[in-house]
Amino acid sequence: MSSLHDEMADVRSEVDDVRSRLREEIPDLFEFDVAVGNISYNANSNSVSVTVEPSSGARDQLSEKFGGVNVKTDGMLELEFRFTESPDE
């Protein structure tokens, strides 16, 4: 039987792995440059929330893509990913 400390260490390691993976993969979801901000784990819903903001070059990229229109990029986007259990668990 593992101790609570060991189980918490396992969870922290898994969450850290998820954070690293999200930092690598989230920018690929967008057709313009974004900066991945805060990544937080919510134990109550067993999910990870990620904030994403357009990078400083995103306005220029979007303006060019849409033919020179003026683009404003105020605010941020928050994505929530819920963990699921595999059938083996």
C-alpha atoms as a PDB file:
ATOM      1  CA  MET A   1       0.000   0.000   0.000  1.00  0.00           C
ATOM      2  CA  SER A   2       1.409   3.361  -0.963  1.00  0.00           C
ATOM      3  CA  SER A   3       1.380   6.313   1.359  1.00  0.00           C
ATOM      4  CA  LEU A   4      -0.572   9.498   0.767  1.00  0.00           C
ATOM      5  CA  HIS A   5       2.723  11.277   0.227  1.00  0.00           C
ATOM      6  CA  ASP A   6       3.661   8.834  -2.565  1.00  0.00           C
ATOM      7  CA  GLU A   7       0.264   9.179  -4.201  1.00  0.00           C
ATOM      8  CA  MET A   8       0.464  12.971  -4.087  1.00  0.00           C
ATOM      9  CA  ALA A   9       3.953  12.831  -5.615  1.00  0.00           C
ATOM     10  CA  ASP A  10       2.583  10.644  -8.420  1.00  0.00           C
ATOM     11  CA  VAL A  11      -0.258  13.100  -9.074  1.00  0.00           C
ATOM     12  CA  ARG A  12       2.126  16.056  -9.073  1.00  0.00           C
ATOM     13  CA  SER A  13       4.380  14.272 -11.556  1.00  0.00           C
ATOM     14  CA  GLU A  14       1.436  13.500 -13.846  1.00  0.00           C
ATOM     15  CA  VAL A  15       0.174  17.096 -13.675  1.00  0.00           C
ATOM     16  CA  ASP A  16       3.686  18.411 -14.422  1.00  0.00           C
ATOM     17  CA  ASP A  17       3.843  16.108 -17.463  1.00  0.00           C
ATOM     18  CA  VAL A  18       0.468  17.418 -18.643  1.00  0.00           C
ATOM     19  CA  ARG A  19       1.609  21.030 -18.143  1.00  0.00           C
ATOM     20  CA  SER A  20       4.722  20.425 -20.243  1.00  0.00           C
ATOM     21  CA  ARG A  21       2.734  18.740 -22.978  1.00  0.00           C
ATOM     22  CA  LEU A  22       0.146  21.552 -23.054  1.00  0.00           C
ATOM     23  CA  ARG A  23       2.864  24.228 -23.300  1.00  0.00           C
ATOM     24  CA  GLU A  24       4.241  22.397 -26.344  1.00  0.00           C
ATOM     25  CA  GLU A  25       0.969  21.498 -28.089  1.00  0.00           C
ATOM     26  CA  ILE A  26      -1.453  24.394 -27.412  1.00  0.00           C
ATOM     27  CA  PRO A  27       0.286  26.875 -29.767  1.00  0.00           C
ATOM     28  CA  ASP A  28      -0.202  24.402 -32.652  1.00  0.00           C
ATOM     29  CA  LEU A  29      -3.985  24.774 -32.289  1.00  0.00           C
ATOM     30  CA  PHE A  30      -3.827  28.378 -33.520  1.00  0.00           C
ATOM     31  CA  GLU A  31      -2.939  29.844 -36.898  1.00  0.00           C
ATOM     32  CA  PHE A  32      -1.174  32.768 -35.209  1.00  0.00           C
ATOM     33  CA  ASP A  33       1.397  33.083 -32.454  1.00  0.00           C
ATOM     34  CA  VAL A  34       0.097  32.674 -28.921  1.00  0.00           C
ATOM     35  CA  ALA A  35       1.657  32.686 -25.492  1.00  0.00           C
ATOM     36  CA  VAL A  36       0.563  29.994 -23.045  1.00  0.00           C
ATOM     37  CA  GLY A  37       0.018  31.614 -19.664  1.00  0.00           C
ATOM     38  CA  ASN A  38      -1.175  30.098 -16.436  1.00  0.00           C
ATOM     39  CA  ILE A  39      -1.776  26.347 -16.274  1.00  0.00           C
ATOM     40  CA  SER A  40      -3.654  25.230 -13.166  1.00  0.00           C
ATOM     41  CA  TYR A  41      -4.957  21.897 -11.912  1.00  0.00           C
ATOM     42  CA  ASN A  42      -8.437  21.708 -10.363  1.00  0.00           C
ATOM     43  CA  ALA A  43      -8.708  18.617  -8.165  1.00  0.00           C
ATOM     44  CA  ASN A  44     -12.479  19.054  -7.690  1.00  0.00           C
ATOM     45  CA  SER A  45     -13.206  18.606 -11.396  1.00  0.00           C
ATOM     46  CA  ASN A  46     -10.021  16.642 -12.203  1.00  0.00           C
ATOM     47  CA  SER A  47      -9.151  19.120 -14.937  1.00  0.00           C
ATOM     48  CA  VAL A  48      -6.410  21.442 -16.075  1.00  0.00           C
ATOM     49  CA  SER A  49      -7.155  25.024 -17.172  1.00  0.00           C
ATOM     50  CA  VAL A  50      -4.861  26.861 -19.571  1.00  0.00           C
ATOM     51  CA  THR A  51      -4.886  30.559 -20.421  1.00  0.00           C
ATOM     52  CA  VAL A  52      -3.771  31.573 -23.898  1.00  0.00           C
ATOM     53  CA  GLU A  53      -3.048  35.086 -25.127  1.00  0.00           C
ATOM     54  CA  PRO A  54      -2.116  36.300 -28.594  1.00  0.00           C
ATOM     55  CA  SER A  55       1.598  37.054 -28.763  1.00  0.00           C
ATOM     56  CA  SER A  56       2.908  40.483 -29.715  1.00  0.00           C
ATOM     57  CA  GLY A  57       3.197  39.404 -33.361  1.00  0.00           C
ATOM     58  CA  ALA A  58      -0.319  37.939 -33.587  1.00  0.00           C
ATOM     59  CA  ARG A  59      -1.969  41.221 -34.628  1.00  0.00           C
ATOM     60  CA  ASP A  60       0.378  41.571 -37.594  1.00  0.00           C
ATOM     61  CA  GLN A  61      -0.095  37.919 -38.575  1.00  0.00           C
ATOM     62  CA  LEU A  62      -3.878  38.183 -38.416  1.00  0.00           C
ATOM     63  CA  SER A  63      -3.922  41.539 -40.200  1.00  0.00           C
ATOM     64  CA  GLU A  64      -1.846  40.111 -43.031  1.00  0.00           C
ATOM     65  CA  LYS A  65      -4.014  36.984 -43.249  1.00  0.00           C
ATOM     66  CA  PHE A  66      -7.216  39.057 -43.526  1.00  0.00           C
ATOM     67  CA  GLY A  67      -5.871  41.535 -46.070  1.00  0.00           C
ATOM     68  CA  GLY A  68      -4.596  44.356 -43.907  1.00  0.00           C
ATOM     69  CA  VAL A  69      -7.580  44.875 -41.600  1.00  0.00           C
ATOM     70  CA  ASN A  70      -6.996  46.428 -38.198  1.00  0.00           C
ATOM     71  CA  VAL A  71      -6.898  43.690 -35.540  1.00  0.00           C
ATOM     72  CA  LYS A  72      -7.359  44.221 -31.799  1.00  0.00           C
ATOM     73  CA  THR A  73      -6.284  41.442 -29.453  1.00  0.00           C
ATOM     74  CA  ASP A  74      -7.495  42.379 -25.993  1.00  0.00           C
ATOM     75  CA  GLY A  75      -8.155  39.660 -23.475  1.00  0.00           C
ATOM     76  CA  MET A  76      -7.304  36.014 -23.234  1.00  0.00           C
ATOM     77  CA  LEU A  77      -8.818  32.622 -23.891  1.00  0.00           C
ATOM     78  CA  GLU A  78      -9.166  29.946 -21.215  1.00  0.00           C
ATOM     79  CA  LEU A  79      -9.274  26.272 -22.143  1.00  0.00           C
ATOM     80  CA  GLU A  80     -10.225  23.506 -19.704  1.00  0.00           C
ATOM     81  CA  PHE A  81      -9.123  19.927 -20.262  1.00  0.00           C
ATOM     82  CA  ARG A  82     -10.692  17.188 -18.157  1.00  0.00           C
ATOM     83  CA  PHE A  83      -8.750  14.073 -17.282  1.00  0.00           C
ATOM     84  CA  THR A  84     -10.358  10.766 -18.166  1.00  0.00           C
ATOM     85  CA  GLU A  85      -9.658   7.316 -16.889  1.00  0.00           C
ATOM     86  CA  SER A  86      -8.676   4.552 -19.225  1.00  0.00           C
ATOM     87  CA  PRO A  87     -10.843   1.381 -19.176  1.00  0.00           C
ATOM     88  CA  ASP A  88      -7.983  -0.444 -17.403  1.00  0.00           C
ATOM     89  CA  GLU A  89      -8.246   1.738 -14.312  1.00  0.00           C
END
